[in-house]
Amino acid sequence: MKIIMYGTGICPDCVMAKEQLGKSSNIELDYRDITKTTAILREFLSYRDHEAIFDPVKKEGKVGIPFFILEDGTKTFDIYGALGIEKPEPDSTARACSIDGKGNC
């Protein structure tokens, strides 16, 4: 299964998801780091600006990463639920990338 993932290395949730997906031999991960180039950032922002899935995220003042597009076109923030796999426990020393350090990106 091919999965496109938008994220960044400074987001603990993104790092954890990328690592988990990279361990699966049946997943072809196309990882797109939104902080790497302005072209990738613009690509991500096009989804963020035009997809209804981002409306609650924007209302909460969040970025909306990690963001996944599955092979069938499904868009989700919850890759674990979409794939039916258990979400690993986060590293207790990792901080969430929200301003208060408690929420998701």
N, C-alpha and C. Protein backbone atom coordinates (compact mmCIF):
# COMPACT_ATOMS: atom_id res chain seq x y z
N MET A 1 0.84 -1.17 0.00
CA MET A 1 0.00 0.00 0.00
C MET A 1 0.89 1.24 0.00
N LYS A 2 0.58 2.17 -0.86
CA LYS A 2 1.32 3.42 -0.93
C LYS A 2 0.62 4.47 -0.06
N ILE A 3 1.42 5.17 0.75
CA ILE A 3 0.90 6.22 1.62
C ILE A 3 1.76 7.46 1.45
N ILE A 4 1.11 8.59 1.23
CA ILE A 4 1.80 9.87 1.23
C ILE A 4 1.63 10.45 2.61
N MET A 5 2.72 10.90 3.19
CA MET A 5 2.69 11.50 4.53
C MET A 5 3.31 12.88 4.47
N TYR A 6 2.58 13.87 4.97
CA TYR A 6 3.12 15.22 5.14
C TYR A 6 3.45 15.40 6.61
N GLY A 7 4.64 15.85 6.89
CA GLY A 7 5.06 16.06 8.27
C GLY A 7 6.37 16.80 8.31
N THR A 8 7.01 16.77 9.48
CA THR A 8 8.31 17.40 9.65
C THR A 8 9.03 16.72 10.82
N GLY A 9 10.34 16.78 10.77
CA GLY A 9 11.15 16.16 11.80
C GLY A 9 11.10 16.85 13.15
N ILE A 10 10.50 18.03 13.22
CA ILE A 10 10.39 18.75 14.50
C ILE A 10 9.06 18.47 15.19
N CYS A 11 8.25 17.62 14.61
CA CYS A 11 6.95 17.24 15.17
C CYS A 11 7.05 15.81 15.72
N PRO A 12 6.95 15.63 17.04
CA PRO A 12 7.07 14.29 17.62
C PRO A 12 6.05 13.29 17.06
N ASP A 13 4.83 13.73 16.79
CA ASP A 13 3.82 12.82 16.24
C ASP A 13 4.22 12.36 14.83
N CYS A 14 4.81 13.26 14.06
CA CYS A 14 5.27 12.92 12.71
C CYS A 14 6.42 11.93 12.76
N VAL A 15 7.37 12.18 13.63
CA VAL A 15 8.53 11.30 13.76
C VAL A 15 8.07 9.90 14.15
N MET A 16 7.17 9.80 15.11
CA MET A 16 6.68 8.51 15.58
C MET A 16 5.93 7.77 14.46
N ALA A 17 5.07 8.49 13.73
CA ALA A 17 4.30 7.85 12.66
C ALA A 17 5.21 7.40 11.52
N LYS A 18 6.17 8.25 11.14
CA LYS A 18 7.10 7.90 10.06
C LYS A 18 7.90 6.66 10.43
N GLU A 19 8.36 6.61 11.65
CA GLU A 19 9.13 5.45 12.12
C GLU A 19 8.28 4.19 12.10
N GLN A 20 7.06 4.29 12.58
CA GLN A 20 6.16 3.13 12.64
C GLN A 20 5.84 2.63 11.23
N LEU A 21 5.54 3.54 10.31
CA LEU A 21 5.20 3.13 8.95
C LEU A 21 6.42 2.56 8.22
N GLY A 22 7.59 3.09 8.53
CA GLY A 22 8.82 2.60 7.91
C GLY A 22 9.15 1.16 8.28
N LYS A 23 8.62 0.70 9.39
CA LYS A 23 8.86 -0.68 9.84
C LYS A 23 8.02 -1.71 9.09
N SER A 24 6.98 -1.25 8.42
CA SER A 24 6.07 -2.17 7.75
C SER A 24 6.54 -2.46 6.33
N SER A 25 6.71 -3.73 6.04
CA SER A 25 7.20 -4.12 4.72
C SER A 25 6.15 -3.99 3.62
N ASN A 26 4.88 -3.90 3.99
CA ASN A 26 3.83 -3.80 2.98
C ASN A 26 3.39 -2.35 2.72
N ILE A 27 4.13 -1.38 3.28
CA ILE A 27 3.80 0.03 3.07
C ILE A 27 4.94 0.72 2.33
N GLU A 28 4.56 1.38 1.23
CA GLU A 28 5.50 2.21 0.48
C GLU A 28 5.21 3.65 0.91
N LEU A 29 6.10 4.20 1.74
CA LEU A 29 5.88 5.52 2.31
C LEU A 29 6.53 6.60 1.45
N ASP A 30 5.72 7.55 1.03
CA ASP A 30 6.20 8.73 0.31
C ASP A 30 6.14 9.88 1.31
N TYR A 31 7.24 10.09 2.03
CA TYR A 31 7.29 11.09 3.10
C TYR A 31 7.65 12.44 2.51
N ARG A 32 6.85 13.45 2.82
CA ARG A 32 7.06 14.80 2.32
C ARG A 32 7.21 15.76 3.50
N ASP A 33 8.44 16.19 3.71
CA ASP A 33 8.77 17.08 4.82
C ASP A 33 8.40 18.51 4.44
N ILE A 34 7.41 19.08 5.13
CA ILE A 34 6.91 20.41 4.77
C ILE A 34 7.90 21.52 5.08
N THR A 35 8.97 21.21 5.80
CA THR A 35 9.98 22.23 6.09
C THR A 35 11.20 22.09 5.18
N LYS A 36 11.16 21.16 4.24
CA LYS A 36 12.31 20.93 3.37
C LYS A 36 12.38 21.91 2.20
N THR A 37 11.26 22.11 1.52
CA THR A 37 11.22 23.04 0.38
C THR A 37 9.91 23.81 0.40
N THR A 38 9.92 24.97 -0.21
CA THR A 38 8.69 25.74 -0.30
C THR A 38 7.68 25.06 -1.22
N ALA A 39 8.16 24.29 -2.19
CA ALA A 39 7.24 23.56 -3.07
C ALA A 39 6.41 22.55 -2.29
N ILE A 40 7.07 21.80 -1.39
CA ILE A 40 6.34 20.83 -0.57
C ILE A 40 5.40 21.54 0.40
N LEU A 41 5.87 22.64 0.98
CA LEU A 41 5.01 23.41 1.88
C LEU A 41 3.78 23.92 1.14
N ARG A 42 3.96 24.45 -0.06
CA ARG A 42 2.81 24.93 -0.86
C ARG A 42 1.85 23.79 -1.18
N GLU A 43 2.40 22.63 -1.50
CA GLU A 43 1.57 21.46 -1.79
C GLU A 43 0.70 21.12 -0.57
N PHE A 44 1.33 21.06 0.61
CA PHE A 44 0.60 20.78 1.84
C PHE A 44 -0.45 21.86 2.11
N LEU A 45 -0.05 23.13 1.97
CA LEU A 45 -0.98 24.23 2.25
C LEU A 45 -2.16 24.24 1.29
N SER A 46 -1.97 23.74 0.08
CA SER A 46 -3.09 23.63 -0.85
C SER A 46 -4.15 22.68 -0.29
N TYR A 47 -3.71 21.55 0.27
CA TYR A 47 -4.66 20.65 0.93
C TYR A 47 -5.28 21.33 2.14
N ARG A 48 -4.45 21.96 2.96
CA ARG A 48 -4.92 22.59 4.19
C ARG A 48 -5.93 23.70 3.91
N ASP A 49 -5.71 24.42 2.86
CA ASP A 49 -6.60 25.54 2.52
C ASP A 49 -7.91 25.11 1.86
N HIS A 50 -7.94 23.92 1.24
CA HIS A 50 -9.10 23.55 0.44
C HIS A 50 -9.84 22.28 0.87
N GLU A 51 -9.30 21.52 1.79
CA GLU A 51 -9.93 20.27 2.21
C GLU A 51 -10.70 20.47 3.52
N ALA A 52 -11.94 20.03 3.54
CA ALA A 52 -12.80 20.19 4.73
C ALA A 52 -12.24 19.47 5.96
N ILE A 53 -11.47 18.41 5.76
CA ILE A 53 -10.89 17.68 6.89
C ILE A 53 -10.05 18.60 7.78
N PHE A 54 -9.53 19.69 7.21
CA PHE A 54 -8.69 20.61 7.97
C PHE A 54 -9.48 21.68 8.73
N ASP A 55 -10.78 21.80 8.49
CA ASP A 55 -11.56 22.87 9.13
C ASP A 55 -11.46 22.83 10.66
N PRO A 56 -11.69 21.69 11.31
CA PRO A 56 -11.56 21.66 12.78
C PRO A 56 -10.13 21.94 13.24
N VAL A 57 -9.16 21.48 12.48
CA VAL A 57 -7.75 21.68 12.82
C VAL A 57 -7.43 23.18 12.82
N LYS A 58 -7.88 23.86 11.78
CA LYS A 58 -7.62 25.30 11.67
C LYS A 58 -8.34 26.08 12.77
N LYS A 59 -9.56 25.66 13.12
CA LYS A 59 -10.29 26.33 14.19
C LYS A 59 -9.57 26.22 15.53
N GLU A 60 -8.85 25.11 15.72
CA GLU A 60 -8.10 24.89 16.96
C GLU A 60 -6.71 25.52 16.91
N GLY A 61 -6.35 26.13 15.78
CA GLY A 61 -5.06 26.77 15.65
C GLY A 61 -3.91 25.80 15.47
N LYS A 62 -4.21 24.60 14.98
CA LYS A 62 -3.18 23.59 14.78
C LYS A 62 -2.72 23.59 13.32
N VAL A 63 -1.61 22.93 13.06
CA VAL A 63 -1.05 22.86 11.71
C VAL A 63 -1.76 21.79 10.88
N GLY A 64 -1.98 20.62 11.47
CA GLY A 64 -2.64 19.53 10.74
C GLY A 64 -1.67 18.48 10.24
N ILE A 65 -0.60 18.26 11.00
CA ILE A 65 0.35 17.21 10.67
C ILE A 65 0.49 16.28 11.87
N PRO A 66 0.80 15.05 11.65
CA PRO A 66 0.98 14.41 10.36
C PRO A 66 -0.35 14.25 9.61
N PHE A 67 -0.25 14.37 8.30
CA PHE A 67 -1.39 14.27 7.39
C PHE A 67 -1.06 13.19 6.37
N PHE A 68 -2.02 12.29 6.13
CA PHE A 68 -1.78 11.14 5.28
C PHE A 68 -2.80 11.06 4.15
N ILE A 69 -2.33 10.65 3.00
CA ILE A 69 -3.20 10.33 1.87
C ILE A 69 -2.94 8.89 1.50
N LEU A 70 -3.97 8.07 1.63
CA LEU A 70 -3.83 6.64 1.34
C LEU A 70 -3.95 6.39 -0.16
N GLU A 71 -3.58 5.21 -0.55
CA GLU A 71 -3.56 4.82 -1.95
C GLU A 71 -4.92 5.01 -2.63
N ASP A 72 -6.00 4.81 -1.88
CA ASP A 72 -7.34 4.95 -2.45
C ASP A 72 -7.85 6.39 -2.43
N GLY A 73 -6.99 7.33 -1.99
CA GLY A 73 -7.37 8.74 -1.96
C GLY A 73 -7.91 9.21 -0.62
N THR A 74 -8.10 8.29 0.31
CA THR A 74 -8.58 8.66 1.64
C THR A 74 -7.57 9.58 2.31
N LYS A 75 -8.07 10.65 2.94
CA LYS A 75 -7.22 11.60 3.66
C LYS A 75 -7.52 11.47 5.15
N THR A 76 -6.47 11.43 5.96
CA THR A 76 -6.66 11.22 7.39
C THR A 76 -5.50 11.79 8.19
N PHE A 77 -5.79 12.09 9.44
CA PHE A 77 -4.75 12.44 10.42
C PHE A 77 -4.42 11.22 11.29
N ASP A 78 -5.32 10.24 11.29
CA ASP A 78 -5.18 9.05 12.14
C ASP A 78 -4.78 7.84 11.31
N ILE A 79 -3.50 7.70 11.06
CA ILE A 79 -3.02 6.58 10.25
C ILE A 79 -3.22 5.25 10.97
N TYR A 80 -3.15 5.27 12.27
CA TYR A 80 -3.30 4.04 13.04
C TYR A 80 -4.72 3.50 12.89
N GLY A 81 -5.70 4.36 13.03
CA GLY A 81 -7.09 3.95 12.85
C GLY A 81 -7.38 3.53 11.42
N ALA A 82 -6.81 4.25 10.47
CA ALA A 82 -7.04 3.94 9.05
C ALA A 82 -6.47 2.58 8.67
N LEU A 83 -5.36 2.21 9.27
CA LEU A 83 -4.72 0.93 8.96
C LEU A 83 -5.11 -0.17 9.94
N GLY A 84 -5.83 0.20 11.01
CA GLY A 84 -6.23 -0.78 12.01
C GLY A 84 -5.06 -1.33 12.81
N ILE A 85 -4.10 -0.46 13.10
CA ILE A 85 -2.95 -0.88 13.91
C ILE A 85 -2.92 -0.08 15.20
N GLU A 86 -2.28 -0.65 16.20
CA GLU A 86 -2.20 0.00 17.50
C GLU A 86 -1.20 1.14 17.48
N LYS A 87 -1.60 2.25 18.04
CA LYS A 87 -0.70 3.41 18.12
C LYS A 87 0.32 3.15 19.22
N PRO A 88 1.60 3.32 18.90
CA PRO A 88 2.62 3.11 19.93
C PRO A 88 2.55 4.19 21.00
N GLU A 89 3.04 3.86 22.18
CA GLU A 89 3.09 4.84 23.26
C GLU A 89 4.16 5.87 22.93
N PRO A 90 3.83 7.15 23.10
CA PRO A 90 4.84 8.17 22.82
C PRO A 90 5.97 8.16 23.84
N ASP A 91 7.11 8.61 23.42
CA ASP A 91 8.26 8.77 24.31
C ASP A 91 7.86 9.80 25.36
N SER A 92 8.00 9.48 26.62
CA SER A 92 7.56 10.39 27.69
C SER A 92 8.38 11.67 27.72
N THR A 93 9.54 11.67 27.09
CA THR A 93 10.36 12.88 27.07
C THR A 93 10.02 13.78 25.88
N ALA A 94 9.27 13.24 24.91
CA ALA A 94 8.93 14.03 23.73
C ALA A 94 7.84 15.04 24.08
N ARG A 95 7.95 16.21 23.52
CA ARG A 95 6.96 17.25 23.72
C ARG A 95 6.11 17.35 22.47
N ALA A 96 4.83 17.55 22.64
CA ALA A 96 3.98 17.79 21.49
C ALA A 96 4.33 19.15 20.91
N CYS A 97 4.04 19.36 19.66
CA CYS A 97 4.49 20.59 19.03
C CYS A 97 3.46 21.72 19.10
N SER A 98 2.44 21.58 19.93
CA SER A 98 1.54 22.70 20.15
C SER A 98 2.20 23.66 21.14
N ILE A 99 1.74 24.86 21.18
CA ILE A 99 2.34 25.88 22.03
C ILE A 99 2.35 25.47 23.50
N ASP A 100 1.26 24.83 23.95
CA ASP A 100 1.21 24.45 25.36
C ASP A 100 1.92 23.13 25.65
N GLY A 101 2.43 22.45 24.61
CA GLY A 101 3.15 21.21 24.81
C GLY A 101 2.27 20.02 25.13
N LYS A 102 0.95 20.18 25.02
CA LYS A 102 0.03 19.11 25.39
C LYS A 102 -0.70 18.52 24.20
N GLY A 103 -0.91 19.30 23.16
CA GLY A 103 -1.74 18.84 22.05
C GLY A 103 -0.95 18.32 20.88
N ASN A 104 -1.68 17.89 19.88
CA ASN A 104 -1.06 17.42 18.64
C ASN A 104 -0.79 18.60 17.72
N CYS A 105 -0.04 18.31 16.67
CA CYS A 105 0.30 19.35 15.70
C CYS A 105 -0.88 19.69 14.84
